[in-house]
Amino acid sequence: MADTAPEQPQIYLLSPPAFELSRFPDLLARVLDAVPVACMRLTLPGADADTVSRAGDALREVCHARDVALVLSDHVLLAQTLGLDGVHLSDGARSLRAARKTLGADVIVGSYCGQSRHDGLTAGEAGADYVAFGPVAESGLGDGAVAPSGLFEWWSEVIELPVVAEGALNAERIAALAPYADFFGIGPEIWSDPDPAACLSALHAALTA
């Protein structure tokens, strides 16, 4: 994900915050077979190390069989132990230098920076391969702050570092941000749907319209 930004944005898939390991890998395989995905983030907030490890092992097989990079939220050492492609940090740039030192130069290290241009710039200076801003609309979660479209527009014009738009996405918002975002972090938008693969296909169509 650290390569030069693509002409067309790509999908950066987010896992559900919890799932049944006996069933989810098959569902994930169907989703990845339906739509091109550049990277997937495994995020299991509150899960213990054993749960994260077993999930990481299972999803790595599914993702790598399809040439999809797999990064793990916040667990730097586990990401390394499991042989994943990198780590996604949720604390802006605060732990980024330490993660980069641990994982080395060839591993993906990304940073979620909320709505803060300053945090994004700081993360880039600290060695991030990408930054993520969001949510892009009110989601009913957190403090209600929103990453405005102007942030993505400014970033795309001034900064070369790839940027991910995530949170409260729909086809209309994806189409509006497509000229400025390099990746769209999509997860909650599809996993609650009866057919996540079809739902993701519909959102992907907004990128290619």
Protein backbone atom coordinates (compact mmCIF):
# COMPACT_ATOMS: atom_id res chain seq x y z
CA MET A 1 0.00 0.00 0.00
CA ALA A 2 2.99 2.28 0.06
CA ASP A 3 3.26 2.37 -3.72
CA THR A 4 2.36 5.36 -5.85
CA ALA A 5 -1.35 6.08 -5.61
CA PRO A 6 -3.41 4.24 -8.22
CA GLU A 7 -5.40 6.11 -10.85
CA GLN A 8 -8.54 4.51 -9.45
CA PRO A 9 -9.10 4.06 -5.71
CA GLN A 10 -8.98 0.55 -4.31
CA ILE A 11 -10.87 -1.28 -1.59
CA TYR A 12 -9.28 -1.76 1.81
CA LEU A 13 -11.51 -4.31 3.54
CA LEU A 14 -12.08 -4.21 7.30
CA SER A 15 -13.03 -7.35 9.21
CA PRO A 16 -16.05 -7.46 11.52
CA PRO A 17 -15.16 -6.69 15.16
CA ALA A 18 -16.07 -10.29 16.04
CA PHE A 19 -16.88 -13.39 14.01
CA GLU A 20 -17.19 -17.17 14.13
CA LEU A 21 -13.88 -18.61 12.99
CA SER A 22 -15.63 -21.75 11.76
CA ARG A 23 -17.67 -19.75 9.24
CA PHE A 24 -16.07 -16.39 8.48
CA PRO A 25 -13.08 -17.51 6.35
CA ASP A 26 -15.45 -19.07 3.79
CA LEU A 27 -17.54 -15.90 3.72
CA LEU A 28 -14.41 -13.81 3.34
CA ALA A 29 -13.26 -15.98 0.44
CA ARG A 30 -16.55 -15.32 -1.37
CA VAL A 31 -16.21 -11.58 -0.81
CA LEU A 32 -12.61 -11.49 -2.02
CA ASP A 33 -13.53 -13.53 -5.08
CA ALA A 34 -16.33 -11.08 -5.94
CA VAL A 35 -14.42 -7.80 -5.98
CA PRO A 36 -10.74 -6.78 -6.25
CA VAL A 37 -9.40 -5.91 -2.79
CA ALA A 38 -5.97 -4.39 -2.18
CA CYS A 39 -5.64 -5.01 1.54
CA MET A 40 -7.57 -6.33 4.52
CA ARG A 41 -7.42 -5.20 8.12
CA LEU A 42 -8.08 -7.71 10.90
CA THR A 43 -9.48 -5.81 13.84
CA LEU A 44 -10.82 -7.65 16.89
CA PRO A 45 -11.14 -5.09 19.69
CA GLY A 46 -11.04 -6.65 23.14
CA ALA A 47 -10.06 -10.12 21.89
CA ASP A 48 -7.29 -12.01 23.66
CA ALA A 49 -4.03 -12.90 21.97
CA ASP A 50 -5.06 -16.52 21.33
CA THR A 51 -8.26 -15.45 19.55
CA VAL A 52 -6.38 -12.90 17.45
CA SER A 53 -3.70 -15.45 16.60
CA ARG A 54 -6.15 -18.10 15.44
CA ALA A 55 -8.06 -15.55 13.38
CA GLY A 56 -4.84 -14.20 11.90
CA ASP A 57 -3.70 -17.67 10.87
CA ALA A 58 -7.02 -18.46 9.20
CA LEU A 59 -7.45 -15.15 7.37
CA ARG A 60 -3.83 -15.05 6.24
CA GLU A 61 -4.42 -18.24 4.27
CA VAL A 62 -7.52 -16.82 2.59
CA CYS A 63 -5.97 -13.43 1.83
CA HIS A 64 -2.57 -14.57 0.66
CA ALA A 65 -4.11 -17.16 -1.65
CA ARG A 66 -5.68 -14.19 -3.44
CA ASP A 67 -2.69 -11.83 -3.24
CA VAL A 68 -4.45 -9.61 -0.72
CA ALA A 69 -2.26 -8.06 1.98
CA LEU A 70 -3.41 -8.63 5.58
CA VAL A 71 -2.64 -6.15 8.34
CA LEU A 72 -3.52 -6.39 12.01
CA SER A 73 -4.90 -3.59 14.15
CA ASP A 74 -2.50 -2.43 16.88
CA HIS A 75 -0.90 -5.79 17.78
CA VAL A 76 2.59 -5.08 16.47
CA LEU A 77 4.35 -8.14 17.88
CA LEU A 78 1.51 -10.50 16.94
CA ALA A 79 1.53 -9.18 13.39
CA GLN A 80 5.21 -10.03 13.23
CA THR A 81 4.81 -13.45 14.85
CA LEU A 82 1.93 -14.42 12.56
CA GLY A 83 3.78 -13.41 9.41
CA LEU A 84 1.21 -10.81 8.42
CA ASP A 85 1.91 -7.99 6.01
CA GLY A 86 1.80 -5.21 8.55
CA VAL A 87 0.00 -3.36 11.28
CA HIS A 88 -2.63 -0.63 11.43
CA LEU A 89 -2.21 1.74 14.37
CA SER A 90 -5.26 3.47 15.82
CA ASP A 91 -3.39 6.09 17.86
CA GLY A 92 -2.21 8.41 15.11
CA ALA A 93 1.57 8.73 15.13
CA ARG A 94 2.14 8.03 18.81
CA SER A 95 3.41 4.46 18.47
CA LEU A 96 4.40 4.60 14.83
CA ARG A 97 8.17 5.01 15.15
CA ALA A 98 8.35 2.13 17.62
CA ALA A 99 6.27 -0.08 15.32
CA ARG A 100 8.43 0.77 12.35
CA LYS A 101 11.59 0.00 14.32
CA THR A 102 10.17 -3.37 15.37
CA LEU A 103 8.78 -4.42 12.01
CA GLY A 104 11.37 -2.96 9.66
CA ALA A 105 11.14 -0.97 6.47
CA ASP A 106 9.46 -3.57 4.26
CA VAL A 107 6.33 -4.12 6.34
CA ILE A 108 3.15 -2.05 6.02
CA VAL A 109 2.59 0.38 8.88
CA GLY A 110 -0.57 2.47 8.61
CA SER A 111 -2.08 5.06 10.91
CA TYR A 112 -5.63 6.12 11.70
CA CYS A 113 -5.65 9.87 12.25
CA GLY A 114 -9.34 10.61 12.74
CA GLN A 115 -10.07 14.07 11.37
CA SER A 116 -6.67 15.62 12.09
CA ARG A 117 -4.53 16.91 9.24
CA HIS A 118 -1.77 17.53 11.77
CA ASP A 119 -1.83 13.92 12.97
CA GLY A 120 -1.73 12.73 9.38
CA LEU A 121 1.31 14.84 8.59
CA THR A 122 3.02 13.71 11.79
CA ALA A 123 2.33 10.08 10.92
CA GLY A 124 3.78 10.58 7.47
CA GLU A 125 6.92 12.13 8.91
CA ALA A 126 7.21 9.17 11.32
CA GLY A 127 7.25 6.68 8.45
CA ALA A 128 3.63 5.65 7.84
CA ASP A 129 2.86 3.89 4.57
CA TYR A 130 -0.64 5.35 4.57
CA VAL A 131 -2.94 7.39 6.77
CA ALA A 132 -6.65 6.87 7.30
CA PHE A 133 -9.20 9.60 8.02
CA GLY A 134 -12.81 9.18 9.05
CA PRO A 135 -15.63 8.78 9.57
CA VAL A 136 -16.66 10.63 6.43
CA ALA A 137 -20.19 11.21 7.75
CA GLU A 138 -22.03 11.02 11.06
CA SER A 139 -22.00 7.42 12.19
CA GLY A 140 -23.58 7.53 15.65
CA LEU A 141 -20.27 6.42 17.14
CA GLY A 142 -17.55 8.35 18.92
CA ASP A 143 -17.86 12.08 19.45
CA GLY A 144 -19.69 12.80 16.21
CA ALA A 145 -16.68 14.42 14.52
CA VAL A 146 -16.50 13.94 10.76
CA ALA A 147 -13.56 14.01 8.34
CA PRO A 148 -14.72 16.55 5.72
CA SER A 149 -14.28 16.05 2.01
CA GLY A 150 -12.02 19.10 1.98
CA LEU A 151 -9.47 17.21 4.07
CA PHE A 152 -9.19 14.50 1.44
CA GLU A 153 -9.12 17.05 -1.39
CA TRP A 154 -6.30 19.00 0.27
CA TRP A 155 -4.36 15.83 1.04
CA SER A 156 -4.57 14.56 -2.51
CA GLU A 157 -3.34 17.88 -3.89
CA VAL A 158 -0.48 18.46 -1.44
CA ILE A 159 0.65 15.11 0.01
CA GLU A 160 1.87 12.06 -1.91
CA LEU A 161 1.29 9.60 0.96
CA PRO A 162 -1.71 7.36 0.23
CA VAL A 163 -4.89 8.16 2.15
CA VAL A 164 -7.73 5.86 3.22
CA ALA A 165 -11.28 7.14 3.66
CA GLU A 166 -13.32 5.06 6.08
CA GLY A 167 -16.40 5.14 8.27
CA ALA A 168 -20.06 5.69 7.29
CA LEU A 169 -19.43 5.10 3.60
CA ASN A 170 -22.11 4.57 1.00
CA ALA A 171 -22.11 4.64 -2.79
CA GLU A 172 -22.79 8.37 -2.95
CA ARG A 173 -19.96 9.27 -0.56
CA ILE A 174 -17.56 6.91 -2.29
CA ALA A 175 -18.32 8.51 -5.66
CA ALA A 176 -17.81 11.99 -4.19
CA LEU A 177 -14.47 11.11 -2.58
CA ALA A 178 -13.14 8.89 -5.37
CA PRO A 179 -11.14 11.72 -6.99
CA TYR A 180 -9.25 12.31 -3.73
CA ALA A 181 -8.96 9.02 -1.78
CA ASP A 182 -6.53 6.24 -2.67
CA PHE A 183 -8.37 3.56 -0.69
CA PHE A 184 -11.80 3.11 0.84
CA GLY A 185 -11.91 1.28 4.16
CA ILE A 186 -15.12 -0.73 3.93
CA GLY A 187 -16.32 -3.18 6.57
CA PRO A 188 -19.35 -2.40 8.74
CA GLU A 189 -21.15 -1.28 5.59
CA ILE A 190 -21.22 -4.85 4.22
CA TRP A 191 -21.01 -7.35 7.08
CA SER A 192 -24.51 -6.63 8.36
CA ASP A 193 -25.94 -7.24 4.89
CA PRO A 194 -27.40 -10.68 4.09
CA ASP A 195 -25.08 -10.87 1.07
CA PRO A 196 -21.80 -9.07 1.86
CA ALA A 197 -20.26 -9.97 -1.50
CA ALA A 198 -23.13 -8.39 -3.43
CA CYS A 199 -23.11 -5.38 -1.13
CA LEU A 200 -19.39 -4.82 -1.67
CA SER A 201 -19.85 -5.25 -5.42
CA ALA A 202 -22.44 -2.46 -5.38
CA LEU A 203 -20.08 -0.16 -3.47
CA HIS A 204 -17.21 -1.08 -5.78
CA ALA A 205 -19.33 0.00 -8.73
CA ALA A 206 -19.23 3.54 -7.35
CA LEU A 207 -15.46 3.51 -7.89
CA THR A 208 -15.72 2.50 -11.51
CA ALA A 209 -18.72 4.63 -12.51
